[in-house]
C-alpha cells in the first residue's frame, strides 16, 4: 500500500473526477449495481486494488492507512460509489471494528488487528443477535466465563451476515449473569472463527441467497486479551457500534440503486409521459436527496470526532422505509416481470426486481426494528413520557 495523499487539500471537483475515473476504469462491470450482498471471493480482487491505492478506509486516520476524508470528500466518495454501482465488500472491519478499536482497544489490539483488517487478511462478522435477543439485544444469553487467562464461551448467535466468509467475529457475551440490569454484565470479545468449538451454519433467505448464518459456540476458549474495553462494560461499546452500524445502514446507496432501476425501466417503457407516474417518481427522488443530506450530517459529525447520539435512529428509519417505498414502485414499474425471480430483460434494461423487493423487506427489522428506533427517538430525543 502506497502513502496516502491529503485528498482534503484537493478541490471537490478534482477529487470527484479522480474517484469517478478510478471506479469507472477499475471496478468490475459484472459486479455493478448488485441487489444482494457481495461475497468475499467476488470482492477480494477489488479490495486488493483499493488497498494498493490506499482507498480501503476512507474515514480512517492516515496514520492507520486511511484516507482521513473530511465530510464533503466522504460524501463525494460515497456518491461516486453509488453512481458507478460499487458493491459493499464485507467491510465491518473497516466501518465498525476499526473505529471501536481506535477508541477502546489496547495498543496491542490496535497494532495487531487494524493493519490486518485494512489489508483484508482479517474479515469480520458481527455476533450480536440471538434467537431470543434481536431488537432487544440486551437480553442476550451467550455467556463467557473467566478461566485463568482465558474466556470460555457458550451459546448461539443468529442472522450473522456473511459469517461463512469471515475469518474473525466480534461479539457481545454475558460475563455477569447476576447484574441487576440486563444492560450490565455484557462484554465485547474478538475471536478467530476457526477456534475449536465454533460452528457456522448458513441460512438461505427468501431470495435464495445464503447471506445470513447461525453461529454456535461450544466451550470456545479465547484469550482474555481478546476482551475489548473493560469487563462487563461492553454495552457502552455496543451502543457506539450500533451507531456506526446505523450510519452504515443509513447510506442512501441501496435506495439510490433501486431508484435508478425505476428510472431506466421507466424511460425504456415511456412511463414518464404519465404525469401521475412522474409525480410519484419525483417524490421518491426527493426522498433520496433528503436522505443524502441527513446521511451527510451524521458523516460530518463522525468526522468532527463527535459520538453519534440517539438521533441516528431517524436515519435508520428514513433509509429503510424509503428503500421499501422505492422497491414497491419498482415492482409496479416492472409489471409482469416484477414478480419473476432472477435477472430479467425489461425493454432492454436488465434488472432483478424481485430480489430488490425481497431484500428491502427486512430492512425495517435488522439493525434494530423501526418500532424500536421510534421508541428511542421518543424517549431520548423528544423526551416524551413513557406510555402506561
Protein backbone atom coordinates (compact mmCIF):
# COMPACT_ATOMS: atom_id res chain seq x y z
CA UNK A 1 0.00 0.00 0.00
CA UNK A 2 1.42 3.35 -1.01
CA UNK A 3 1.39 6.53 1.08
CA UNK A 4 -2.00 8.22 1.04
CA UNK A 5 -2.00 11.87 -0.09
CA UNK A 6 -4.08 14.54 1.63
CA UNK A 7 -7.19 14.42 -0.52
CA UNK A 8 -8.85 17.09 1.60
CA UNK A 9 -6.44 19.59 0.04
CA UNK A 10 -7.90 18.89 -3.43
CA UNK A 11 -10.87 20.78 -4.80
CA UNK A 12 -14.16 18.88 -4.64
CA UNK A 13 -14.38 18.78 -8.44
CA UNK A 14 -10.85 17.42 -8.86
CA UNK A 15 -11.45 14.79 -6.18
CA UNK A 16 -14.72 13.72 -7.79
CA UNK A 17 -13.01 13.35 -11.18
CA UNK A 18 -10.20 11.23 -9.71
CA UNK A 19 -12.52 8.96 -7.73
CA UNK A 20 -15.01 8.60 -10.56
CA UNK A 21 -12.32 7.81 -13.12
CA UNK A 22 -10.81 5.13 -10.88
CA UNK A 23 -14.16 3.46 -10.19
CA UNK A 24 -15.12 3.62 -13.87
CA UNK A 25 -11.90 2.05 -15.11
CA UNK A 26 -11.10 -0.42 -12.33
CA UNK A 27 -14.34 -1.70 -10.80
CA UNK A 28 -15.54 -4.95 -12.47
CA UNK A 29 -18.58 -4.33 -14.71
CA UNK A 30 -20.25 -7.62 -13.75
CA UNK A 31 -20.38 -6.53 -10.09
CA UNK A 32 -22.03 -3.17 -10.70
CA UNK A 33 -25.40 -2.43 -9.06
CA UNK A 34 -25.70 -5.73 -7.21
CA UNK A 35 -29.03 -6.15 -5.44
CA UNK A 36 -27.58 -8.63 -2.94
CA UNK A 37 -24.67 -8.65 -0.53
CA UNK A 38 -21.43 -9.34 -2.37
CA UNK A 39 -19.38 -12.33 -1.24
CA UNK A 40 -15.73 -12.00 -0.27
CA UNK A 41 -14.48 -14.25 -3.07
CA UNK A 42 -16.10 -11.84 -5.55
CA UNK A 43 -14.82 -8.68 -3.91
CA UNK A 44 -11.27 -9.64 -2.91
CA UNK A 45 -9.65 -8.54 -6.22
CA UNK A 46 -11.38 -5.16 -5.87
CA UNK A 47 -10.35 -4.90 -2.21
CA UNK A 48 -6.75 -5.57 -3.24
CA UNK A 49 -6.92 -2.72 -5.77
CA UNK A 50 -8.32 -0.35 -3.16
CA UNK A 51 -5.69 -1.43 -0.65
CA UNK A 52 -2.86 -0.90 -3.12
CA UNK A 53 -4.19 2.62 -3.78
CA UNK A 54 -4.78 3.34 -0.08
CA UNK A 55 -8.54 3.69 -0.52
CA UNK A 56 -9.92 0.83 1.59
CA UNK A 57 -10.73 3.00 4.62
CA UNK A 58 -11.89 6.47 3.53
CA UNK A 59 -12.77 7.50 7.09
CA UNK A 60 -9.74 6.14 8.97
CA UNK A 61 -6.88 8.44 10.05
CA UNK A 62 -3.94 8.48 7.66
CA UNK A 63 -1.66 7.20 10.43
CA UNK A 64 -3.57 3.89 10.23
CA UNK A 65 -3.60 3.77 6.42
CA UNK A 66 -6.91 5.54 5.87
CA UNK A 67 -7.80 8.42 3.59
CA UNK A 68 -8.98 10.61 6.51
CA UNK A 69 -11.57 12.27 4.29
CA UNK A 70 -13.49 15.26 5.54
CA UNK A 71 -17.28 15.19 5.41
CA UNK A 72 -17.55 16.80 1.96
CA UNK A 73 -14.99 14.45 0.41
CA UNK A 74 -16.55 11.44 2.13
CA UNK A 75 -19.90 12.24 0.58
CA UNK A 76 -18.29 12.61 -2.84
CA UNK A 77 -16.55 9.25 -2.40
CA UNK A 78 -19.84 7.56 -1.50
CA UNK A 79 -21.77 9.34 -4.23
CA UNK A 80 -19.28 8.10 -6.81
CA UNK A 81 -19.54 4.57 -5.39
CA UNK A 82 -23.29 4.77 -5.84
CA UNK A 83 -23.07 6.33 -9.30
CA UNK A 84 -20.78 3.54 -10.52
CA UNK A 85 -22.66 0.74 -8.75
CA UNK A 86 -19.77 -0.27 -6.50
CA UNK A 87 -20.93 -3.02 -4.14
CA UNK A 88 -20.16 -3.13 -0.44
CA UNK A 89 -17.41 -5.59 0.33
CA UNK A 90 -17.52 -7.42 3.69
CA UNK A 91 -16.35 -4.20 5.35
CA UNK A 92 -17.30 -4.46 9.01
CA UNK A 93 -13.64 -4.49 9.97
CA UNK A 94 -13.38 -1.04 8.43
CA UNK A 95 -16.71 0.53 9.37
CA UNK A 96 -17.14 -0.94 12.87
CA UNK A 97 -14.23 -2.90 14.35
CA UNK A 98 -11.59 -0.37 13.30
CA UNK A 99 -13.27 2.73 14.79
CA UNK A 100 -14.08 0.86 18.01
CA UNK A 101 -10.51 -0.41 18.46
CA UNK A 102 -9.16 3.08 17.80
CA UNK A 103 -11.40 4.34 20.59
CA UNK A 104 -11.49 1.48 23.11
CA UNK A 105 -8.80 -1.02 22.12
CA UNK A 106 -5.43 -1.53 23.74
CA UNK A 107 -2.28 -0.55 21.82
CA UNK A 108 -1.57 -4.28 21.31
CA UNK A 109 -5.06 -4.83 19.84
CA UNK A 110 -4.68 -1.81 17.58
CA UNK A 111 -1.26 -2.90 16.33
CA UNK A 112 -2.46 -6.43 15.65
CA UNK A 113 -5.96 -6.05 14.25
CA UNK A 114 -6.02 -2.72 12.41
CA UNK A 115 -3.37 -3.45 9.74
CA UNK A 116 -4.76 -6.93 9.10
CA UNK A 117 -8.32 -5.64 8.81
CA UNK A 118 -7.13 -2.97 6.38
CA UNK A 119 -5.27 -5.44 4.16
CA UNK A 120 -8.17 -7.92 4.04
CA UNK A 121 -6.25 -10.61 5.88
CA UNK A 122 -8.91 -10.41 8.59
CA UNK A 123 -12.56 -10.31 7.51
CA UNK A 124 -15.09 -9.67 10.27
CA UNK A 125 -18.66 -10.63 11.07
CA UNK A 126 -20.84 -9.35 13.90
CA UNK A 127 -22.07 -11.67 16.66
CA UNK A 128 -24.93 -9.68 18.18
CA UNK A 129 -28.41 -11.10 17.59
CA UNK A 130 -29.54 -14.33 19.20
CA UNK A 131 -32.70 -16.43 18.74
CA UNK A 132 -34.30 -14.66 21.73
CA UNK A 133 -32.39 -11.38 21.59
CA UNK A 134 -32.80 -9.43 18.38
CA UNK A 135 -34.04 -5.86 18.71
CA UNK A 136 -33.98 -6.46 22.48
CA UNK A 137 -30.25 -7.09 22.27
CA UNK A 138 -29.65 -6.53 25.98
CA UNK A 139 -31.44 -9.85 26.65
CA UNK A 140 -28.59 -11.83 25.06
CA UNK A 141 -27.57 -15.04 26.85
CA UNK A 142 -24.39 -16.24 25.13
CA UNK A 143 -22.02 -16.49 28.08
CA UNK A 144 -18.31 -16.06 28.67
CA UNK A 145 -16.77 -17.38 31.88
CA UNK A 146 -13.28 -16.45 33.04
CA UNK A 147 -10.96 -19.44 33.38
CA UNK A 148 -7.44 -18.30 34.19
CA UNK A 149 -6.20 -16.17 31.30
CA UNK A 150 -9.00 -17.37 29.01
CA UNK A 151 -12.69 -16.77 28.42
CA UNK A 152 -14.87 -19.84 27.82
CA UNK A 153 -17.83 -19.02 25.55
CA UNK A 154 -21.08 -20.96 25.13
CA UNK A 155 -24.22 -20.01 23.26
CA UNK A 156 -25.58 -19.13 19.83
CA UNK A 157 -25.77 -16.13 17.50
CA UNK A 158 -28.11 -15.78 14.54
CA UNK A 159 -28.56 -13.55 11.47
CA UNK A 160 -24.79 -13.17 11.39
CA UNK A 161 -24.18 -11.57 7.99
CA UNK A 162 -21.63 -13.40 5.82
CA UNK A 163 -20.14 -15.29 8.76
CA UNK A 164 -19.15 -18.05 6.33
CA UNK A 165 -16.84 -15.56 4.58
CA UNK A 166 -15.32 -14.19 7.79
CA UNK A 167 -12.04 -15.02 9.47
CA UNK A 168 -12.98 -13.30 12.75
CA UNK A 169 -16.05 -12.38 14.76
CA UNK A 170 -16.67 -9.55 17.22
CA UNK A 171 -19.42 -10.47 19.63
CA UNK A 172 -21.33 -9.47 22.70
CA UNK A 173 -21.32 -12.00 25.53
CA UNK A 174 -22.75 -12.05 29.03
CA UNK A 175 -19.97 -12.08 31.60
CA UNK A 176 -22.08 -11.36 34.69
CA UNK A 177 -25.44 -13.12 34.91
CA UNK A 178 -26.13 -11.61 38.34
CA UNK A 179 -26.09 -8.00 37.12
CA UNK A 180 -29.12 -6.03 38.35
CA UNK A 181 -29.86 -4.51 34.94
CA UNK A 182 -29.70 -6.58 31.75
CA UNK A 183 -27.59 -3.92 30.02
CA UNK A 184 -24.89 -4.53 32.63
CA UNK A 185 -22.69 -7.59 32.73
CA UNK A 186 -22.12 -7.63 28.95
CA UNK A 187 -18.67 -7.61 27.34
CA UNK A 188 -17.30 -7.31 23.80
CA UNK A 189 -14.93 -10.06 22.70
CA UNK A 190 -12.97 -10.80 19.50
CA UNK A 191 -12.38 -14.32 18.20
CA UNK A 192 -10.95 -16.24 15.26
CA UNK A 193 -13.83 -18.22 13.70
CA UNK A 194 -11.51 -21.23 13.32
CA UNK A 195 -11.24 -21.50 17.10
CA UNK A 196 -12.29 -25.03 18.19
CA UNK A 197 -15.94 -25.15 19.22
CA UNK A 198 -17.22 -22.54 16.73
CA UNK A 199 -19.67 -23.88 14.12
CA UNK A 200 -21.12 -21.75 11.32
CA UNK A 201 -24.31 -22.76 9.52
CA UNK A 202 -25.60 -20.63 6.58
CA UNK A 203 -29.28 -19.63 6.30
CA UNK A 204 -30.88 -19.38 2.85
CA UNK A 205 -33.13 -16.32 2.54
CA UNK A 206 -36.33 -15.88 0.54
CA UNK A 207 -34.37 -14.63 -2.47
CA UNK A 208 -32.36 -17.88 -2.49
CA UNK A 209 -29.11 -16.34 -1.24
CA UNK A 210 -27.07 -17.51 1.74
CA UNK A 211 -26.34 -14.12 3.28
CA UNK A 212 -27.00 -14.85 6.96
CA UNK A 213 -25.69 -17.55 9.26
CA UNK A 214 -26.17 -19.17 12.63
CA UNK A 215 -23.03 -19.35 14.77
CA UNK A 216 -22.73 -21.84 17.62
CA UNK A 217 -20.22 -21.70 20.49
CA UNK A 218 -19.43 -24.88 22.41
CA UNK A 219 -16.81 -24.32 25.15
CA UNK A 220 -14.91 -21.93 22.90
CA UNK A 221 -11.71 -20.72 24.55
CA UNK A 222 -10.28 -17.32 23.62
CA UNK A 223 -7.54 -15.33 25.34
CA UNK A 224 -8.70 -12.86 27.98
CA UNK A 225 -6.73 -10.30 25.97
CA UNK A 226 -9.46 -10.62 23.31
CA UNK A 227 -11.72 -8.53 25.53
CA UNK A 228 -12.26 -5.01 24.16
CA UNK A 229 -12.58 -2.37 26.85
CA UNK A 230 -13.37 -3.29 30.43
CA UNK A 231 -15.07 -6.46 31.63
CA UNK A 232 -18.85 -6.06 31.99
CA UNK A 233 -18.81 -2.65 30.29
CA UNK A 234 -19.45 -3.83 26.74
CA UNK A 235 -22.88 -2.21 26.47
CA UNK A 236 -21.28 1.23 26.15
CA UNK A 237 -19.16 -0.07 23.28
CA UNK A 238 -22.17 -1.90 21.84
CA UNK A 239 -24.15 1.33 21.65
CA UNK A 240 -21.27 3.01 19.83
CA UNK A 241 -21.05 0.06 17.44
CA UNK A 242 -24.79 0.14 16.83
CA UNK A 243 -24.47 3.84 15.99
CA UNK A 244 -21.77 3.05 13.42
CA UNK A 245 -23.93 0.22 12.08
CA UNK A 246 -26.94 2.50 11.74
CA UNK A 247 -24.76 5.01 9.93
CA UNK A 248 -23.67 2.28 7.50
CA UNK A 249 -27.24 1.01 7.07
CA UNK A 250 -28.30 4.64 6.60
CA UNK A 251 -26.28 5.08 3.42
CA UNK A 252 -28.52 6.18 0.54
CA UNK A 253 -26.84 3.62 -1.70
CA UNK A 254 -29.50 0.90 -1.79
CA UNK A 255 -32.47 3.25 -2.21
CA UNK A 256 -30.50 5.10 -4.90
CA UNK A 257 -29.74 1.84 -6.75
CA UNK A 258 -33.40 0.85 -6.76
CA UNK A 259 -34.48 4.35 -7.83
CA UNK A 260 -32.02 4.17 -10.74
CA UNK A 261 -33.62 0.90 -11.87
CA UNK A 262 -37.03 2.60 -11.86
CA UNK A 263 -35.66 5.44 -13.94
CA UNK A 264 -34.06 3.15 -16.54
CA UNK A 265 -37.12 0.91 -16.88
CA UNK A 266 -39.50 3.88 -16.96
CA UNK A 267 -37.51 5.57 -19.74
CA UNK A 268 -37.44 2.34 -21.74
CA UNK A 269 -41.21 1.95 -21.35
CA UNK A 270 -42.03 5.62 -21.84
CA UNK A 271 -43.68 5.84 -18.43
CA UNK A 272 -42.55 9.40 -17.77
CA UNK A 273 -45.21 10.56 -20.25
CA UNK A 274 -47.68 9.76 -17.45
CA UNK A 275 -47.77 12.79 -15.12
CA UNK A 276 -49.02 10.67 -12.23
CA UNK A 277 -46.05 8.32 -12.55
CA UNK A 278 -43.67 11.26 -12.83
CA UNK A 279 -45.09 12.84 -9.67
CA UNK A 280 -44.60 9.64 -7.68
CA UNK A 281 -41.08 9.14 -9.04
CA UNK A 282 -40.15 12.75 -8.26
CA UNK A 283 -41.40 12.43 -4.68
CA UNK A 284 -39.20 9.36 -4.17
CA UNK A 285 -36.22 11.08 -5.81
CA UNK A 286 -36.64 13.98 -3.37
CA UNK A 287 -36.82 11.48 -0.50
CA UNK A 288 -33.46 10.07 -1.61
CA UNK A 289 -31.99 13.58 -1.78
CA UNK A 290 -33.26 14.30 1.72
CA UNK A 291 -31.76 11.02 2.84
CA UNK A 292 -28.40 12.00 1.35
CA UNK A 293 -28.47 15.31 3.22
CA UNK A 294 -29.34 13.61 6.51
CA UNK A 295 -26.64 10.99 5.96
CA UNK A 296 -24.13 13.75 5.23
CA UNK A 297 -24.97 15.44 8.51
CA UNK A 298 -24.07 12.35 10.51
CA UNK A 299 -20.94 11.68 8.45
CA UNK A 300 -19.80 15.22 9.22
CA UNK A 301 -20.46 14.60 12.91
CA UNK A 302 -18.24 11.50 12.84
CA UNK A 303 -15.51 13.37 11.01
CA UNK A 304 -15.50 16.04 13.73
CA UNK A 305 -14.79 13.27 16.20
CA UNK A 306 -18.17 13.59 17.89
CA UNK A 307 -20.01 10.48 19.10
CA UNK A 308 -23.23 9.60 17.34
CA UNK A 309 -26.27 10.09 19.54
CA UNK A 310 -29.70 8.52 19.69
CA UNK A 311 -30.88 10.75 16.84
CA UNK A 312 -29.03 8.42 14.42
CA UNK A 313 -32.17 6.28 14.75
CA UNK A 314 -34.06 8.61 12.43
CA UNK A 315 -31.50 7.92 9.67
CA UNK A 316 -32.08 4.18 10.00
CA UNK A 317 -35.85 4.67 9.83
CA UNK A 318 -35.75 7.05 6.88
CA UNK A 319 -33.35 4.91 4.84
CA UNK A 320 -35.09 1.57 5.23
CA UNK A 321 -38.62 2.89 4.84
CA UNK A 322 -37.61 4.95 1.78
CA UNK A 323 -35.97 1.83 0.34
CA UNK A 324 -39.20 -0.13 0.81
CA UNK A 325 -41.31 2.57 -0.83
CA UNK A 326 -38.95 2.64 -3.81
CA UNK A 327 -38.92 -1.14 -4.25
CA UNK A 328 -42.71 -1.13 -4.04
CA UNK A 329 -42.77 1.23 -7.03
CA UNK A 330 -40.00 -0.76 -8.74
CA UNK A 331 -42.15 -3.89 -8.53
CA UNK A 332 -45.07 -2.00 -10.02
CA UNK A 333 -42.88 -0.48 -12.76
CA UNK A 334 -41.65 -3.91 -13.80
CA UNK A 335 -45.26 -5.10 -14.23
CA UNK A 336 -45.35 -8.84 -15.04
CA UNK A 337 -41.53 -9.02 -14.99
CA UNK A 338 -41.53 -7.60 -11.49
CA UNK A 339 -42.91 -10.77 -9.96
CA UNK A 340 -40.49 -13.17 -11.66
CA UNK A 341 -37.30 -14.27 -9.95
CA UNK A 342 -33.87 -13.59 -11.37
CA UNK A 343 -32.44 -11.01 -13.76
CA UNK A 344 -35.00 -10.03 -16.40
CA UNK A 345 -34.58 -8.13 -19.66
CA UNK A 346 -37.23 -5.40 -19.44
CA UNK A 347 -37.34 -3.44 -22.69
CA UNK A 348 -33.56 -3.64 -22.94
CA UNK A 349 -32.90 -2.95 -19.24
CA UNK A 350 -31.55 -5.79 -17.08
CA UNK A 351 -32.98 -5.83 -13.56
CA UNK A 352 -33.58 -8.30 -10.75
CA UNK A 353 -36.65 -6.59 -9.37
CA UNK A 354 -37.96 -9.32 -7.11
CA UNK A 355 -34.65 -9.73 -5.25
CA UNK A 356 -34.52 -5.98 -4.65
CA UNK A 357 -38.06 -6.11 -3.27
CA UNK A 358 -37.25 -9.10 -1.05
CA UNK A 359 -34.07 -7.52 0.32
CA UNK A 360 -35.85 -4.32 1.32
CA UNK A 361 -38.46 -6.16 3.43
CA UNK A 362 -36.27 -6.99 6.46
CA UNK A 363 -34.61 -3.57 6.31
CA UNK A 364 -37.04 -2.20 8.88
CA UNK A 365 -36.17 -5.09 11.22
CA UNK A 366 -32.41 -5.72 11.11
CA UNK A 367 -30.10 -3.35 12.95
CA UNK A 368 -32.97 -2.54 15.33
CA UNK A 369 -36.58 -2.51 14.15
CA UNK A 370 -38.33 0.72 13.15
CA UNK A 371 -40.56 0.38 16.22
CA UNK A 372 -37.51 0.26 18.49
CA UNK A 373 -35.93 3.21 16.66
CA UNK A 374 -39.09 5.28 17.12
CA UNK A 375 -39.14 4.44 20.82
CA UNK A 376 -35.53 5.58 21.10
CA UNK A 377 -36.35 8.87 19.38
CA UNK A 378 -39.44 9.38 21.53
CA UNK A 379 -37.64 8.70 24.80
CA UNK A 380 -34.13 10.08 24.33
CA UNK A 381 -34.51 12.77 21.63
CA UNK A 382 -38.05 14.12 22.04
CA UNK A 383 -38.05 13.36 25.80
CA UNK A 384 -41.64 12.16 25.67
CA UNK A 385 -43.02 10.49 28.80
CA UNK A 386 -43.31 6.69 28.68
CA UNK A 387 -46.73 5.30 27.84
CA UNK A 388 -48.60 3.41 30.50
